[in-house]
Amino acid sequence: MSADLSITVWNEYRHERDSDDVAAVYPDGIHEAIAEGFEERGFDTRTATLDDPEHGLTEGVLDDTDVLTWWGHRAHDAVSDHIVERVVERVHDGMGLLVLHSAHYSKPFKSLMGTSCSLKWREADERERIWVIEPGHPIAEGLPEQIEIPEAEMYGERFDVPAPDELVFTSWFEGGEVFRSGCCYTRGSGRVFYFRPGHETYPIYYRDDIRDVLANAAEWAAPTDGPDPNFGNADPLEALSD
């Protein structure tokens, strides 16, 4: 793991403050549980929430962020458009973005995908089996062939997103549905990973295997040292004949 990697964990932080059921699972907020997993694995980690000034995502914070994780559910529309534009621009410039569970409907993810990002869903405490379908992918490093979650919210196809550049995980649910639950994308110079598990009433973000996935995904999504692209009018590299 890279201790030099700077991660910002963002959460709308609404359910935990007004639902006893959610607070019982995440008393300090979902963001703190996710951040704890990164910190245990040696990452430089900060948190930010919706009600912080500028949603905690100032230009300075984002400039100092290698990978941003995003959890949201019911307050997507409360995120200011100019902050969304700031996040999307930083992704295009090379910042990694990990989009978690119901953040499939978040403004940054929908902007980057260009689709509705809609899906089927059901809350029935049913079993989920997450199959690793690309075992050689860096996000799958150190994982077993499959991860079983005893109680989960169901997400089902069709998931209205562009075809992933790489699909690392596919989920099966007890009710029969399947779902593309680990989707990799490149947008500009940045990498985006969507990971399905993480409903607010289940203690999923305390699991070591889920924390391992997020740590691997942060390493994968981190900015690279490739050349900066140049755009616009360009002088010829070779002499042009008359």
Protein backbone atom coordinates (compact mmCIF):
# COMPACT_ATOMS: atom_id res chain seq x y z
CA MET A 1 0.00 0.00 0.00
CA SER A 2 1.16 3.54 -0.74
CA ALA A 3 1.35 5.69 2.36
CA ASP A 4 1.89 8.66 0.06
CA LEU A 5 -1.57 8.28 -1.47
CA SER A 6 -3.99 11.00 -0.30
CA ILE A 7 -7.62 9.88 -0.01
CA THR A 8 -10.69 12.01 0.72
CA VAL A 9 -13.76 10.09 1.92
CA TRP A 10 -16.97 12.01 1.14
CA ASN A 11 -20.38 11.23 2.62
CA GLU A 12 -23.64 13.18 2.60
CA TYR A 13 -23.97 12.22 6.31
CA ARG A 14 -27.72 12.56 6.67
CA HIS A 15 -29.12 9.11 7.53
CA GLU A 16 -26.75 8.61 10.46
CA ARG A 17 -27.96 11.79 12.17
CA ASP A 18 -31.72 11.23 11.96
CA SER A 19 -32.18 7.46 11.89
CA ASP A 20 -31.62 5.42 15.04
CA ASP A 21 -31.28 2.27 12.93
CA VAL A 22 -28.50 3.74 10.81
CA ALA A 23 -26.79 5.39 13.79
CA ALA A 24 -26.69 2.01 15.53
CA VAL A 25 -24.64 0.63 12.63
CA TYR A 26 -22.53 3.72 11.86
CA PRO A 27 -22.55 5.89 15.01
CA ASP A 28 -19.73 8.10 13.71
CA GLY A 29 -20.97 8.15 10.12
CA ILE A 30 -20.36 5.92 7.12
CA HIS A 31 -17.43 8.12 6.14
CA GLU A 32 -15.61 7.39 9.38
CA ALA A 33 -16.01 3.63 8.91
CA ILE A 34 -14.66 3.83 5.36
CA ALA A 35 -11.83 6.15 6.41
CA GLU A 36 -10.87 3.76 9.22
CA GLY A 37 -10.34 1.01 6.65
CA PHE A 38 -8.04 3.20 4.58
CA GLU A 39 -6.13 4.41 7.64
CA GLU A 40 -5.58 0.83 8.84
CA ARG A 41 -3.97 0.12 5.48
CA GLY A 42 -1.60 3.07 5.74
CA PHE A 43 -3.24 5.68 3.55
CA ASP A 44 -3.24 9.42 4.26
CA THR A 45 -6.99 9.91 4.76
CA ARG A 46 -9.37 12.81 5.41
CA THR A 47 -13.16 13.01 5.46
CA ALA A 48 -15.64 15.55 4.08
CA THR A 49 -19.43 15.82 4.30
CA LEU A 50 -22.28 17.59 2.56
CA ASP A 51 -22.79 20.21 5.27
CA ASP A 52 -19.14 21.26 5.43
CA PRO A 53 -18.31 24.58 3.73
CA GLU A 54 -18.17 23.88 -0.03
CA HIS A 55 -19.20 20.32 0.94
CA GLY A 56 -15.67 19.88 2.26
CA LEU A 57 -14.40 19.82 -1.32
CA THR A 58 -12.58 23.11 -1.68
CA GLU A 59 -10.15 23.57 -4.53
CA GLY A 60 -7.32 23.13 -2.02
CA VAL A 61 -8.72 19.83 -0.74
CA LEU A 62 -9.27 18.43 -4.22
CA ASP A 63 -5.84 19.57 -5.39
CA ASP A 64 -4.42 17.56 -2.48
CA THR A 65 -6.59 14.48 -3.18
CA ASP A 66 -5.33 11.55 -5.22
CA VAL A 67 -8.51 9.49 -4.82
CA LEU A 68 -11.99 10.67 -3.77
CA THR A 69 -14.59 8.20 -2.50
CA TRP A 70 -18.27 9.19 -2.70
CA TRP A 71 -21.25 7.89 -0.71
CA GLY A 72 -24.66 9.49 -1.10
CA HIS A 73 -28.27 8.37 -1.08
CA ARG A 74 -31.11 10.80 -0.47
CA ALA A 75 -29.41 14.20 -0.78
CA HIS A 76 -27.95 14.01 -4.28
CA ASP A 77 -29.80 17.14 -5.36
CA ALA A 78 -28.37 19.11 -2.42
CA VAL A 79 -24.87 18.91 -3.89
CA SER A 80 -24.03 22.23 -5.56
CA ASP A 81 -23.50 22.06 -9.29
CA HIS A 82 -20.32 24.12 -9.16
CA ILE A 83 -18.81 21.60 -6.71
CA VAL A 84 -19.85 18.79 -9.05
CA GLU A 85 -18.11 20.57 -11.93
CA ARG A 86 -15.02 20.95 -9.77
CA VAL A 87 -14.97 17.23 -8.97
CA VAL A 88 -15.56 16.19 -12.59
CA GLU A 89 -12.78 18.49 -13.79
CA ARG A 90 -10.37 17.00 -11.25
CA VAL A 91 -11.26 13.49 -12.45
CA HIS A 92 -10.57 14.52 -16.04
CA ASP A 93 -7.23 15.90 -14.84
CA GLY A 94 -6.26 12.59 -13.20
CA MET A 95 -7.89 12.27 -9.75
CA GLY A 96 -9.35 8.84 -9.03
CA LEU A 97 -13.03 8.48 -8.02
CA LEU A 98 -14.56 5.54 -6.12
CA VAL A 99 -18.36 5.62 -6.37
CA LEU A 100 -20.05 3.55 -3.67
CA HIS A 101 -23.46 1.88 -3.57
CA SER A 102 -26.32 4.41 -3.96
CA ALA A 103 -23.88 7.04 -5.24
CA HIS A 104 -24.69 5.58 -8.66
CA TYR A 105 -27.28 8.40 -8.65
CA SER A 106 -24.81 11.06 -7.53
CA LYS A 107 -24.30 14.09 -9.72
CA PRO A 108 -20.58 13.49 -10.34
CA PHE A 109 -21.11 9.88 -11.44
CA LYS A 110 -24.08 10.70 -13.68
CA SER A 111 -22.10 13.54 -15.25
CA LEU A 112 -19.12 11.28 -15.93
CA MET A 113 -21.29 8.44 -17.29
CA GLY A 114 -23.68 10.56 -19.38
CA THR A 115 -26.60 8.19 -18.64
CA SER A 116 -29.42 7.90 -16.10
CA CYS A 117 -27.47 5.32 -13.99
CA SER A 118 -30.85 3.77 -13.05
CA LEU A 119 -31.30 0.20 -11.81
CA LYS A 120 -33.68 -2.20 -10.07
CA TRP A 121 -33.59 -2.38 -6.27
CA ARG A 122 -35.23 -4.15 -3.34
CA GLU A 123 -34.70 -4.08 0.44
CA ALA A 124 -35.34 -7.62 1.65
CA ASP A 125 -32.27 -8.57 3.74
CA GLU A 126 -31.24 -11.09 1.11
CA ARG A 127 -27.94 -12.84 0.51
CA GLU A 128 -25.50 -11.42 -2.03
CA ARG A 129 -22.64 -13.34 -3.60
CA ILE A 130 -20.05 -11.16 -5.29
CA TRP A 131 -18.09 -13.15 -7.87
CA VAL A 132 -14.58 -12.08 -8.85
CA ILE A 133 -14.70 -12.44 -12.63
CA GLU A 134 -11.31 -10.84 -13.35
CA PRO A 135 -8.98 -12.46 -10.78
CA GLY A 136 -5.90 -10.94 -12.44
CA HIS A 137 -7.15 -7.37 -12.02
CA PRO A 138 -5.35 -5.21 -9.40
CA ILE A 139 -8.64 -4.50 -7.61
CA ALA A 140 -9.08 -8.25 -7.03
CA GLU A 141 -5.60 -8.76 -5.53
CA GLY A 142 -5.66 -10.97 -2.44
CA LEU A 143 -9.39 -11.68 -2.63
CA PRO A 144 -11.11 -15.09 -2.59
CA GLU A 145 -13.05 -16.31 -5.62
CA GLN A 146 -16.27 -14.91 -4.18
CA ILE A 147 -17.43 -12.71 -1.31
CA GLU A 148 -20.67 -13.62 0.43
CA ILE A 149 -22.69 -10.94 2.23
CA PRO A 150 -25.47 -12.50 4.34
CA GLU A 151 -27.84 -9.50 4.25
CA ALA A 152 -27.86 -6.85 1.55
CA GLU A 153 -30.06 -4.53 -0.45
CA MET A 154 -30.61 -5.94 -3.93
CA TYR A 155 -29.49 -4.03 -7.01
CA GLY A 156 -30.48 -5.63 -10.31
CA GLU A 157 -29.98 -5.23 -14.02
CA ARG A 158 -30.46 -3.40 -16.17
CA PHE A 159 -27.89 -0.98 -14.77
CA ASP A 160 -28.08 2.01 -17.12
CA VAL A 161 -24.39 2.85 -17.39
CA PRO A 162 -21.99 2.66 -20.33
CA ALA A 163 -20.33 -0.72 -20.81
CA PRO A 164 -17.41 -0.77 -18.34
CA ASP A 165 -13.87 -0.68 -19.65
CA GLU A 166 -13.30 -3.59 -17.27
CA LEU A 167 -15.79 -5.51 -15.13
CA VAL A 168 -14.14 -6.92 -12.00
CA PHE A 169 -17.16 -8.15 -9.98
CA THR A 170 -20.62 -9.51 -10.73
CA SER A 171 -23.20 -9.98 -7.97
CA TRP A 172 -25.91 -12.61 -7.60
CA PHE A 173 -28.78 -12.14 -5.17
CA GLU A 174 -30.96 -14.62 -3.31
CA GLY A 175 -34.04 -13.37 -5.17
CA GLY A 176 -32.46 -14.30 -8.51
CA GLU A 177 -31.15 -10.99 -9.86
CA VAL A 178 -27.61 -10.33 -11.06
CA PHE A 179 -25.73 -7.03 -11.19
CA ARG A 180 -22.48 -5.57 -12.56
CA SER A 181 -21.09 -4.61 -9.17
CA GLY A 182 -17.48 -3.65 -9.89
CA CYS A 183 -17.18 -1.38 -12.94
CA CYS A 184 -14.00 0.37 -14.12
CA TYR A 185 -13.94 3.44 -16.35
CA THR A 186 -11.43 5.98 -17.64
CA ARG A 187 -12.57 9.56 -18.05
CA GLY A 188 -9.93 11.95 -19.38
CA SER A 189 -6.79 11.19 -17.38
CA GLY A 190 -8.74 9.88 -14.37
CA ARG A 191 -10.01 6.46 -13.36
CA VAL A 192 -13.47 5.77 -11.94
CA PHE A 193 -14.55 2.62 -10.08
CA TYR A 194 -18.15 1.87 -9.14
CA PHE A 195 -18.58 -0.66 -6.30
CA ARG A 196 -22.09 -1.80 -5.35
CA PRO A 197 -22.11 -2.97 -1.68
CA GLY A 198 -22.75 -0.50 1.13
CA HIS A 199 -26.38 0.12 2.15
CA GLU A 200 -26.62 2.27 5.27
CA THR A 201 -28.37 -0.28 7.50
CA TYR A 202 -25.81 -3.06 6.98
CA PRO A 203 -22.30 -3.11 8.56
CA ILE A 204 -20.63 -3.82 5.23
CA TYR A 205 -17.91 -1.15 5.49
CA TYR A 206 -16.49 -2.83 8.61
CA ARG A 207 -15.69 -6.04 6.73
CA ASP A 208 -12.02 -6.65 5.99
CA ASP A 209 -12.73 -8.07 2.53
CA ILE A 210 -14.74 -4.98 1.53
CA ARG A 211 -12.03 -2.72 2.96
CA ASP A 212 -9.46 -4.68 0.95
CA VAL A 213 -11.47 -4.04 -2.22
CA LEU A 214 -11.60 -0.30 -1.51
CA ALA A 215 -7.87 -0.17 -0.74
CA ASN A 216 -7.04 -2.04 -3.95
CA ALA A 217 -9.38 0.23 -5.89
CA ALA A 218 -7.71 3.35 -4.47
CA GLU A 219 -4.31 2.06 -5.59
CA TRP A 220 -5.70 1.30 -9.05
CA ALA A 221 -7.47 4.66 -9.40
CA ALA A 222 -4.54 6.77 -8.20
CA PRO A 223 -3.07 9.29 -10.66
CA THR A 224 -0.35 7.94 -12.92
CA ASP A 225 2.94 9.52 -13.99
CA GLY A 226 2.14 9.47 -17.70
CA PRO A 227 2.81 12.44 -19.97
CA ASP A 228 0.46 15.42 -19.83
CA PRO A 229 -1.56 15.64 -23.07
CA ASN A 230 -1.32 18.80 -25.15
CA PHE A 231 -4.32 20.12 -27.05
CA GLY A 232 -4.98 22.85 -29.60
CA ASN A 233 -2.97 24.16 -32.51
CA ALA A 234 0.34 22.30 -32.82
CA ASP A 235 3.58 22.95 -34.67
CA PRO A 236 4.79 20.05 -36.85
CA LEU A 237 7.36 17.72 -35.33
CA GLU A 238 8.94 17.08 -38.73
CA ALA A 239 9.75 19.49 -41.53
CA LEU A 240 6.85 19.84 -43.94
CA SER A 241 7.53 19.73 -47.66
CA ASP A 242 6.38 22.68 -49.74
